[in-house]
Amino acid sequence: TILWATGFRQDFSWLKADAFDDQGRPQH
């Protein structure tokens, strides 16, 4: 078994707004 405790990514694909950078990260 390899158990990956390697974090998470965020997903705001449902939100169609000019609120993110080119990597999909919130700009705030």
PDB file of all heavy atoms in Angstrom:
ATOM      1  N   THR A   1       0.837  -1.209   0.000  1.00  0.00           N
ATOM      2  CA  THR A   1       0.000   0.000   0.000  1.00  0.00           C
ATOM      3  C   THR A   1       0.868   1.254   0.000  1.00  0.00           C
ATOM      4  O   THR A   1       1.846   1.330   0.749  1.00  0.00           O
ATOM      5  CB  THR A   1      -0.920   0.046   1.236  1.00  0.00           C
ATOM      6  OG1 THR A   1      -1.791  -1.082   1.244  1.00  0.00           O
ATOM      7  CG2 THR A   1      -1.750   1.333   1.250  1.00  0.00           C
ATOM      8  N   ILE A   2       0.514   2.210  -0.838  1.00  0.00           N
ATOM      9  CA  ILE A   2       1.069   3.563  -0.745  1.00  0.00           C
ATOM     10  C   ILE A   2      -0.075   4.474  -0.324  1.00  0.00           C
ATOM     11  O   ILE A   2      -1.103   4.567  -1.004  1.00  0.00           O
ATOM     12  CB  ILE A   2       1.666   4.054  -2.070  1.00  0.00           C
ATOM     13  CG1 ILE A   2       2.786   3.122  -2.536  1.00  0.00           C
ATOM     14  CG2 ILE A   2       2.200   5.483  -1.915  1.00  0.00           C
ATOM     15  CD1 ILE A   2       3.372   3.513  -3.888  1.00  0.00           C
ATOM     16  N   LEU A   3       0.113   5.117   0.805  1.00  0.00           N
ATOM     17  CA  LEU A   3      -0.897   6.038   1.310  1.00  0.00           C
ATOM     18  C   LEU A   3      -0.373   7.460   1.123  1.00  0.00           C
ATOM     19  O   LEU A   3       0.639   7.842   1.702  1.00  0.00           O
ATOM     20  CB  LEU A   3      -1.191   5.751   2.788  1.00  0.00           C
ATOM     21  CG  LEU A   3      -2.458   6.385   3.345  1.00  0.00           C
ATOM     22  CD1 LEU A   3      -3.042   5.514   4.457  1.00  0.00           C
ATOM     23  CD2 LEU A   3      -2.214   7.789   3.870  1.00  0.00           C
ATOM     24  N   TRP A   4      -1.073   8.226   0.301  1.00  0.00           N
ATOM     25  CA  TRP A   4      -0.623   9.561  -0.075  1.00  0.00           C
ATOM     26  C   TRP A   4      -1.264  10.610   0.836  1.00  0.00           C
ATOM     27  O   TRP A   4      -2.466  10.879   0.733  1.00  0.00           O
ATOM     28  CB  TRP A   4      -0.973   9.856  -1.528  1.00  0.00           C
ATOM     29  CG  TRP A   4      -0.353   8.918  -2.520  1.00  0.00           C
ATOM     30  CD1 TRP A   4      -0.894   7.756  -3.004  1.00  0.00           C
ATOM     31  CD2 TRP A   4       0.924   9.056  -3.150  1.00  0.00           C
ATOM     32  NE1 TRP A   4      -0.037   7.167  -3.911  1.00  0.00           N
ATOM     33  CE2 TRP A   4       1.091   7.940  -4.012  1.00  0.00           C
ATOM     34  CE3 TRP A   4       1.942  10.016  -3.078  1.00  0.00           C
ATOM     35  CZ2 TRP A   4       2.230   7.757  -4.789  1.00  0.00           C
ATOM     36  CZ3 TRP A   4       3.073   9.843  -3.851  1.00  0.00           C
ATOM     37  CH2 TRP A   4       3.222   8.727  -4.695  1.00  0.00           C
ATOM     38  N   ALA A   5      -0.476  11.184   1.723  1.00  0.00           N
ATOM     39  CA  ALA A   5      -0.944  12.295   2.560  1.00  0.00           C
ATOM     40  C   ALA A   5      -0.382  13.577   1.961  1.00  0.00           C
ATOM     41  O   ALA A   5       0.438  14.278   2.554  1.00  0.00           O
ATOM     42  CB  ALA A   5      -0.476  12.104   3.995  1.00  0.00           C
ATOM     43  N   THR A   6      -0.832  13.855   0.745  1.00  0.00           N
ATOM     44  CA  THR A   6      -0.197  14.871  -0.098  1.00  0.00           C
ATOM     45  C   THR A   6      -1.101  16.063  -0.383  1.00  0.00           C
ATOM     46  O   THR A   6      -0.890  16.782  -1.365  1.00  0.00           O
ATOM     47  CB  THR A   6       0.263  14.223  -1.413  1.00  0.00           C
ATOM     48  OG1 THR A   6      -0.761  13.327  -1.894  1.00  0.00           O
ATOM     49  CG2 THR A   6       1.539  13.430  -1.204  1.00  0.00           C
ATOM     50  N   GLY A   7      -2.078  16.289   0.472  1.00  0.00           N
ATOM     51  CA  GLY A   7      -2.853  17.515   0.390  1.00  0.00           C
ATOM     52  C   GLY A   7      -4.014  17.472  -0.579  1.00  0.00           C
ATOM     53  O   GLY A   7      -4.402  16.407  -1.090  1.00  0.00           O
ATOM     54  N   PHE A   8      -4.532  18.665  -0.837  1.00  0.00           N
ATOM     55  CA  PHE A   8      -5.766  18.811  -1.604  1.00  0.00           C
ATOM     56  C   PHE A   8      -5.611  19.960  -2.603  1.00  0.00           C
ATOM     57  O   PHE A   8      -4.739  20.802  -2.477  1.00  0.00           O
ATOM     58  CB  PHE A   8      -6.931  19.141  -0.668  1.00  0.00           C
ATOM     59  CG  PHE A   8      -7.232  18.064   0.339  1.00  0.00           C
ATOM     60  CD1 PHE A   8      -6.452  17.916   1.477  1.00  0.00           C
ATOM     61  CD2 PHE A   8      -8.298  17.205   0.151  1.00  0.00           C
ATOM     62  CE1 PHE A   8      -6.718  16.934   2.408  1.00  0.00           C
ATOM     63  CE2 PHE A   8      -8.576  16.219   1.081  1.00  0.00           C
ATOM     64  CZ  PHE A   8      -7.780  16.077   2.210  1.00  0.00           C
ATOM     65  N   ARG A   9      -6.499  19.972  -3.567  1.00  0.00           N
ATOM     66  CA  ARG A   9      -6.608  21.114  -4.463  1.00  0.00           C
ATOM     67  C   ARG A   9      -8.017  21.682  -4.339  1.00  0.00           C
ATOM     68  O   ARG A   9      -8.974  20.976  -4.032  1.00  0.00           O
ATOM     69  CB  ARG A   9      -6.309  20.733  -5.913  1.00  0.00           C
ATOM     70  CG  ARG A   9      -7.316  19.778  -6.531  1.00  0.00           C
ATOM     71  CD  ARG A   9      -7.048  19.555  -8.011  1.00  0.00           C
ATOM     72  NE  ARG A   9      -7.951  18.556  -8.578  1.00  0.00           N
ATOM     73  CZ  ARG A   9      -9.169  18.845  -9.018  1.00  0.00           C
ATOM     74  NH1 ARG A   9      -9.625  20.096  -8.970  1.00  0.00           N
ATOM     75  NH2 ARG A   9      -9.943  17.905  -9.526  1.00  0.00           N
ATOM     76  N   GLN A  10      -8.100  22.966  -4.591  1.00  0.00           N
ATOM     77  CA  GLN A  10      -9.399  23.629  -4.548  1.00  0.00           C
ATOM     78  C   GLN A  10     -10.047  23.582  -5.921  1.00  0.00           C
ATOM     79  O   GLN A  10      -9.370  23.491  -6.945  1.00  0.00           O
ATOM     80  CB  GLN A  10      -9.224  25.073  -4.080  1.00  0.00           C
ATOM     81  CG  GLN A  10      -8.677  25.167  -2.667  1.00  0.00           C
ATOM     82  CD  GLN A  10      -8.224  26.573  -2.323  1.00  0.00           C
ATOM     83  OE1 GLN A  10      -7.780  27.320  -3.180  1.00  0.00           O
ATOM     84  NE2 GLN A  10      -8.337  26.933  -1.058  1.00  0.00           N
ATOM     85  N   ASP A  11     -11.365  23.635  -5.953  1.00  0.00           N
ATOM     86  CA  ASP A  11     -12.096  23.580  -7.214  1.00  0.00           C
ATOM     87  C   ASP A  11     -13.243  24.593  -7.158  1.00  0.00           C
ATOM     88  O   ASP A  11     -14.226  24.395  -6.444  1.00  0.00           O
ATOM     89  CB  ASP A  11     -12.640  22.177  -7.451  1.00  0.00           C
ATOM     90  CG  ASP A  11     -13.395  22.068  -8.768  1.00  0.00           C
ATOM     91  OD1 ASP A  11     -13.382  23.045  -9.548  1.00  0.00           O
ATOM     92  OD2 ASP A  11     -14.014  21.013  -9.014  1.00  0.00           O
ATOM     93  N   PHE A  12     -13.065  25.676  -7.892  1.00  0.00           N
ATOM     94  CA  PHE A  12     -14.107  26.689  -7.978  1.00  0.00           C
ATOM     95  C   PHE A  12     -14.658  26.766  -9.400  1.00  0.00           C
ATOM     96  O   PHE A  12     -15.118  27.823  -9.840  1.00  0.00           O
ATOM     97  CB  PHE A  12     -13.551  28.057  -7.562  1.00  0.00           C
ATOM     98  CG  PHE A  12     -13.076  28.120  -6.129  1.00  0.00           C
ATOM     99  CD1 PHE A  12     -11.720  28.047  -5.836  1.00  0.00           C
ATOM    100  CD2 PHE A  12     -13.980  28.213  -5.093  1.00  0.00           C
ATOM    101  CE1 PHE A  12     -11.278  28.111  -4.523  1.00  0.00           C
ATOM    102  CE2 PHE A  12     -13.549  28.267  -3.773  1.00  0.00           C
ATOM    103  CZ  PHE A  12     -12.188  28.211  -3.484  1.00  0.00           C
ATOM    104  N   SER A  13     -14.638  25.650 -10.104  1.00  0.00           N
ATOM    105  CA  SER A  13     -15.073  25.650 -11.497  1.00  0.00           C
ATOM    106  C   SER A  13     -16.546  26.017 -11.641  1.00  0.00           C
ATOM    107  O   SER A  13     -16.976  26.450 -12.717  1.00  0.00           O
ATOM    108  CB  SER A  13     -14.802  24.281 -12.130  1.00  0.00           C
ATOM    109  OG  SER A  13     -15.490  23.256 -11.422  1.00  0.00           O
ATOM    110  N   TRP A  14     -17.319  25.861 -10.582  1.00  0.00           N
ATOM    111  CA  TRP A  14     -18.742  26.203 -10.616  1.00  0.00           C
ATOM    112  C   TRP A  14     -18.978  27.710 -10.614  1.00  0.00           C
ATOM    113  O   TRP A  14     -20.052  28.172 -10.993  1.00  0.00           O
ATOM    114  CB  TRP A  14     -19.468  25.589  -9.420  1.00  0.00           C
ATOM    115  CG  TRP A  14     -18.853  25.963  -8.087  1.00  0.00           C
ATOM    116  CD1 TRP A  14     -17.847  25.311  -7.441  1.00  0.00           C
ATOM    117  CD2 TRP A  14     -19.183  27.097  -7.268  1.00  0.00           C
ATOM    118  NE1 TRP A  14     -17.529  25.956  -6.262  1.00  0.00           N
ATOM    119  CE2 TRP A  14     -18.339  27.049  -6.129  1.00  0.00           C
ATOM    120  CE3 TRP A  14     -20.117  28.128  -7.378  1.00  0.00           C
ATOM    121  CZ2 TRP A  14     -18.406  28.013  -5.113  1.00  0.00           C
ATOM    122  CZ3 TRP A  14     -20.179  29.080  -6.373  1.00  0.00           C
ATOM    123  CH2 TRP A  14     -19.334  29.016  -5.257  1.00  0.00           C
ATOM    124  N   LEU A  15     -17.972  28.468 -10.182  1.00  0.00           N
ATOM    125  CA  LEU A  15     -18.117  29.911 -10.028  1.00  0.00           C
ATOM    126  C   LEU A  15     -17.537  30.623 -11.256  1.00  0.00           C
ATOM    127  O   LEU A  15     -16.321  30.719 -11.424  1.00  0.00           O
ATOM    128  CB  LEU A  15     -17.420  30.373  -8.752  1.00  0.00           C
ATOM    129  CG  LEU A  15     -17.482  31.861  -8.401  1.00  0.00           C
ATOM    130  CD1 LEU A  15     -18.919  32.369  -8.394  1.00  0.00           C
ATOM    131  CD2 LEU A  15     -16.808  32.109  -7.060  1.00  0.00           C
ATOM    132  N   LYS A  16     -18.409  31.106 -12.114  1.00  0.00           N
ATOM    133  CA  LYS A  16     -17.992  31.764 -13.356  1.00  0.00           C
ATOM    134  C   LYS A  16     -17.840  33.263 -13.099  1.00  0.00           C
ATOM    135  O   LYS A  16     -18.770  34.058 -13.283  1.00  0.00           O
ATOM    136  CB  LYS A  16     -19.016  31.513 -14.462  1.00  0.00           C
ATOM    137  CG  LYS A  16     -19.411  30.052 -14.631  1.00  0.00           C
ATOM    138  CD  LYS A  16     -18.217  29.152 -14.936  1.00  0.00           C
ATOM    139  CE  LYS A  16     -18.642  27.697 -15.109  1.00  0.00           C
ATOM    140  NZ  LYS A  16     -17.493  26.794 -15.323  1.00  0.00           N
ATOM    141  N   ALA A  17     -16.661  33.626 -12.620  1.00  0.00           N
ATOM    142  CA  ALA A  17     -16.402  35.023 -12.298  1.00  0.00           C
ATOM    143  C   ALA A  17     -14.926  35.316 -12.492  1.00  0.00           C
ATOM    144  O   ALA A  17     -14.089  34.417 -12.401  1.00  0.00           O
ATOM    145  CB  ALA A  17     -16.825  35.322 -10.851  1.00  0.00           C
ATOM    146  N   ASP A  18     -14.618  36.570 -12.735  1.00  0.00           N
ATOM    147  CA  ASP A  18     -13.227  36.983 -12.926  1.00  0.00           C
ATOM    148  C   ASP A  18     -12.585  37.182 -11.559  1.00  0.00           C
ATOM    149  O   ASP A  18     -12.225  38.294 -11.164  1.00  0.00           O
ATOM    150  CB  ASP A  18     -13.181  38.277 -13.742  1.00  0.00           C
ATOM    151  CG  ASP A  18     -11.750  38.712 -14.048  1.00  0.00           C
ATOM    152  OD1 ASP A  18     -10.848  37.840 -14.038  1.00  0.00           O
ATOM    153  OD2 ASP A  18     -11.537  39.916 -14.270  1.00  0.00           O
ATOM    154  N   ALA A  19     -12.446  36.072 -10.835  1.00  0.00           N
ATOM    155  CA  ALA A  19     -11.965  36.131  -9.457  1.00  0.00           C
ATOM    156  C   ALA A  19     -10.741  35.263  -9.231  1.00  0.00           C
ATOM    157  O   ALA A  19     -10.336  35.065  -8.083  1.00  0.00           O
ATOM    158  CB  ALA A  19     -13.087  35.686  -8.511  1.00  0.00           C
ATOM    159  N   PHE A  20     -10.131  34.769 -10.306  1.00  0.00           N
ATOM    160  CA  PHE A  20      -9.069  33.778 -10.171  1.00  0.00           C
ATOM    161  C   PHE A  20      -7.880  34.133 -11.063  1.00  0.00           C
ATOM    162  O   PHE A  20      -8.025  34.822 -12.079  1.00  0.00           O
ATOM    163  CB  PHE A  20      -9.603  32.388 -10.540  1.00  0.00           C
ATOM    164  CG  PHE A  20     -10.866  32.023  -9.827  1.00  0.00           C
ATOM    165  CD1 PHE A  20     -12.104  32.227 -10.421  1.00  0.00           C
ATOM    166  CD2 PHE A  20     -10.820  31.511  -8.539  1.00  0.00           C
ATOM    167  CE1 PHE A  20     -13.270  31.905  -9.756  1.00  0.00           C
ATOM    168  CE2 PHE A  20     -11.976  31.188  -7.867  1.00  0.00           C
ATOM    169  CZ  PHE A  20     -13.205  31.388  -8.479  1.00  0.00           C
ATOM    170  N   ASP A  21      -6.704  33.614 -10.679  1.00  0.00           N
ATOM    171  CA  ASP A  21      -5.540  33.784 -11.540  1.00  0.00           C
ATOM    172  C   ASP A  21      -5.528  32.690 -12.595  1.00  0.00           C
ATOM    173  O   ASP A  21      -6.464  31.878 -12.685  1.00  0.00           O
ATOM    174  CB  ASP A  21      -4.249  33.816 -10.715  1.00  0.00           C
ATOM    175  CG  ASP A  21      -3.952  32.487 -10.013  1.00  0.00           C
ATOM    176  OD1 ASP A  21      -4.589  31.460 -10.335  1.00  0.00           O
ATOM    177  OD2 ASP A  21      -3.081  32.475  -9.129  1.00  0.00           O
ATOM    178  N   ASP A  22      -4.454  32.619 -13.395  1.00  0.00           N
ATOM    179  CA  ASP A  22      -4.427  31.647 -14.492  1.00  0.00           C
ATOM    180  C   ASP A  22      -4.253  30.216 -14.014  1.00  0.00           C
ATOM    181  O   ASP A  22      -4.362  29.270 -14.799  1.00  0.00           O
ATOM    182  CB  ASP A  22      -3.334  32.007 -15.506  1.00  0.00           C
ATOM    183  CG  ASP A  22      -1.956  32.130 -14.877  1.00  0.00           C
ATOM    184  OD1 ASP A  22      -1.813  31.860 -13.659  1.00  0.00           O
ATOM    185  OD2 ASP A  22      -1.006  32.490 -15.598  1.00  0.00           O
ATOM    186  N   GLN A  23      -3.991  30.030 -12.697  1.00  0.00           N
ATOM    187  CA  GLN A  23      -3.916  28.685 -12.118  1.00  0.00           C
ATOM    188  C   GLN A  23      -5.207  28.307 -11.404  1.00  0.00           C
ATOM    189  O   GLN A  23      -5.277  27.252 -10.764  1.00  0.00           O
ATOM    190  CB  GLN A  23      -2.749  28.603 -11.138  1.00  0.00           C
ATOM    191  CG  GLN A  23      -1.392  28.905 -11.748  1.00  0.00           C
ATOM    192  CD  GLN A  23      -1.008  27.904 -12.807  1.00  0.00           C
ATOM    193  OE1 GLN A  23      -1.156  26.694 -12.612  1.00  0.00           O
ATOM    194  NE2 GLN A  23      -0.509  28.398 -13.940  1.00  0.00           N
ATOM    195  N   GLY A  24      -6.209  29.167 -11.475  1.00  0.00           N
ATOM    196  CA  GLY A  24      -7.483  28.890 -10.820  1.00  0.00           C
ATOM    197  C   GLY A  24      -7.512  29.235  -9.350  1.00  0.00           C
ATOM    198  O   GLY A  24      -8.456  28.862  -8.644  1.00  0.00           O
ATOM    199  N   ARG A  25      -6.498  29.975  -8.866  1.00  0.00           N
ATOM    200  CA  ARG A  25      -6.443  30.345  -7.457  1.00  0.00           C
ATOM    201  C   ARG A  25      -7.186  31.649  -7.217  1.00  0.00           C
ATOM    202  O   ARG A  25      -7.060  32.591  -8.007  1.00  0.00           O
ATOM    203  CB  ARG A  25      -4.986  30.474  -7.008  1.00  0.00           C
ATOM    204  CG  ARG A  25      -4.224  29.173  -7.039  1.00  0.00           C
ATOM    205  CD  ARG A  25      -2.741  29.374  -6.800  1.00  0.00           C
ATOM    206  NE  ARG A  25      -2.149  30.222  -7.835  1.00  0.00           N
ATOM    207  CZ  ARG A  25      -0.868  30.169  -8.182  1.00  0.00           C
ATOM    208  NH1 ARG A  25      -0.051  29.320  -7.586  1.00  0.00           N
ATOM    209  NH2 ARG A  25      -0.399  30.976  -9.118  1.00  0.00           N
ATOM    210  N   PRO A  26      -7.944  31.724  -6.128  1.00  0.00           N
ATOM    211  CA  PRO A  26      -8.702  32.947  -5.848  1.00  0.00           C
ATOM    212  C   PRO A  26      -7.786  34.161  -5.690  1.00  0.00           C
ATOM    213  O   PRO A  26      -6.741  34.084  -5.043  1.00  0.00           O
ATOM    214  CB  PRO A  26      -9.408  32.626  -4.522  1.00  0.00           C
ATOM    215  CG  PRO A  26      -9.472  31.138  -4.470  1.00  0.00           C
ATOM    216  CD  PRO A  26      -8.226  30.655  -5.144  1.00  0.00           C
ATOM    217  N   GLN A  27      -8.185  35.271  -6.277  1.00  0.00           N
ATOM    218  CA  GLN A  27      -7.509  36.546  -6.096  1.00  0.00           C
ATOM    219  C   GLN A  27      -8.367  37.380  -5.155  1.00  0.00           C
ATOM    220  O   GLN A  27      -9.507  37.730  -5.480  1.00  0.00           O
ATOM    221  CB  GLN A  27      -7.338  37.247  -7.441  1.00  0.00           C
ATOM    222  CG  GLN A  27      -6.478  36.464  -8.422  1.00  0.00           C
ATOM    223  CD  GLN A  27      -5.023  36.424  -7.986  1.00  0.00           C
ATOM    224  OE1 GLN A  27      -4.281  37.379  -8.128  1.00  0.00           O
ATOM    225  NE2 GLN A  27      -4.607  35.295  -7.445  1.00  0.00           N
ATOM    226  N   HIS A  28      -7.837  37.721  -3.995  1.00  0.00           N
ATOM    227  CA  HIS A  28      -8.672  38.356  -2.984  1.00  0.00           C
ATOM    228  C   HIS A  28      -7.804  39.133  -2.010  1.00  0.00           C
ATOM    229  O   HIS A  28      -6.576  38.964  -1.953  1.00  0.00           O
ATOM    230  CB  HIS A  28      -9.464  37.295  -2.208  1.00  0.00           C
ATOM    231  CG  HIS A  28      -8.575  36.396  -1.383  1.00  0.00           C
ATOM    232  ND1 HIS A  28      -8.342  36.616  -0.045  1.00  0.00           N
ATOM    233  CD2 HIS A  28      -7.839  35.297  -1.704  1.00  0.00           C
ATOM    234  CE1 HIS A  28      -7.506  35.694   0.423  1.00  0.00           C
ATOM    235  NE2 HIS A  28      -7.183  34.873  -0.575  1.00  0.00           N
TER     236      HIS A  28
END
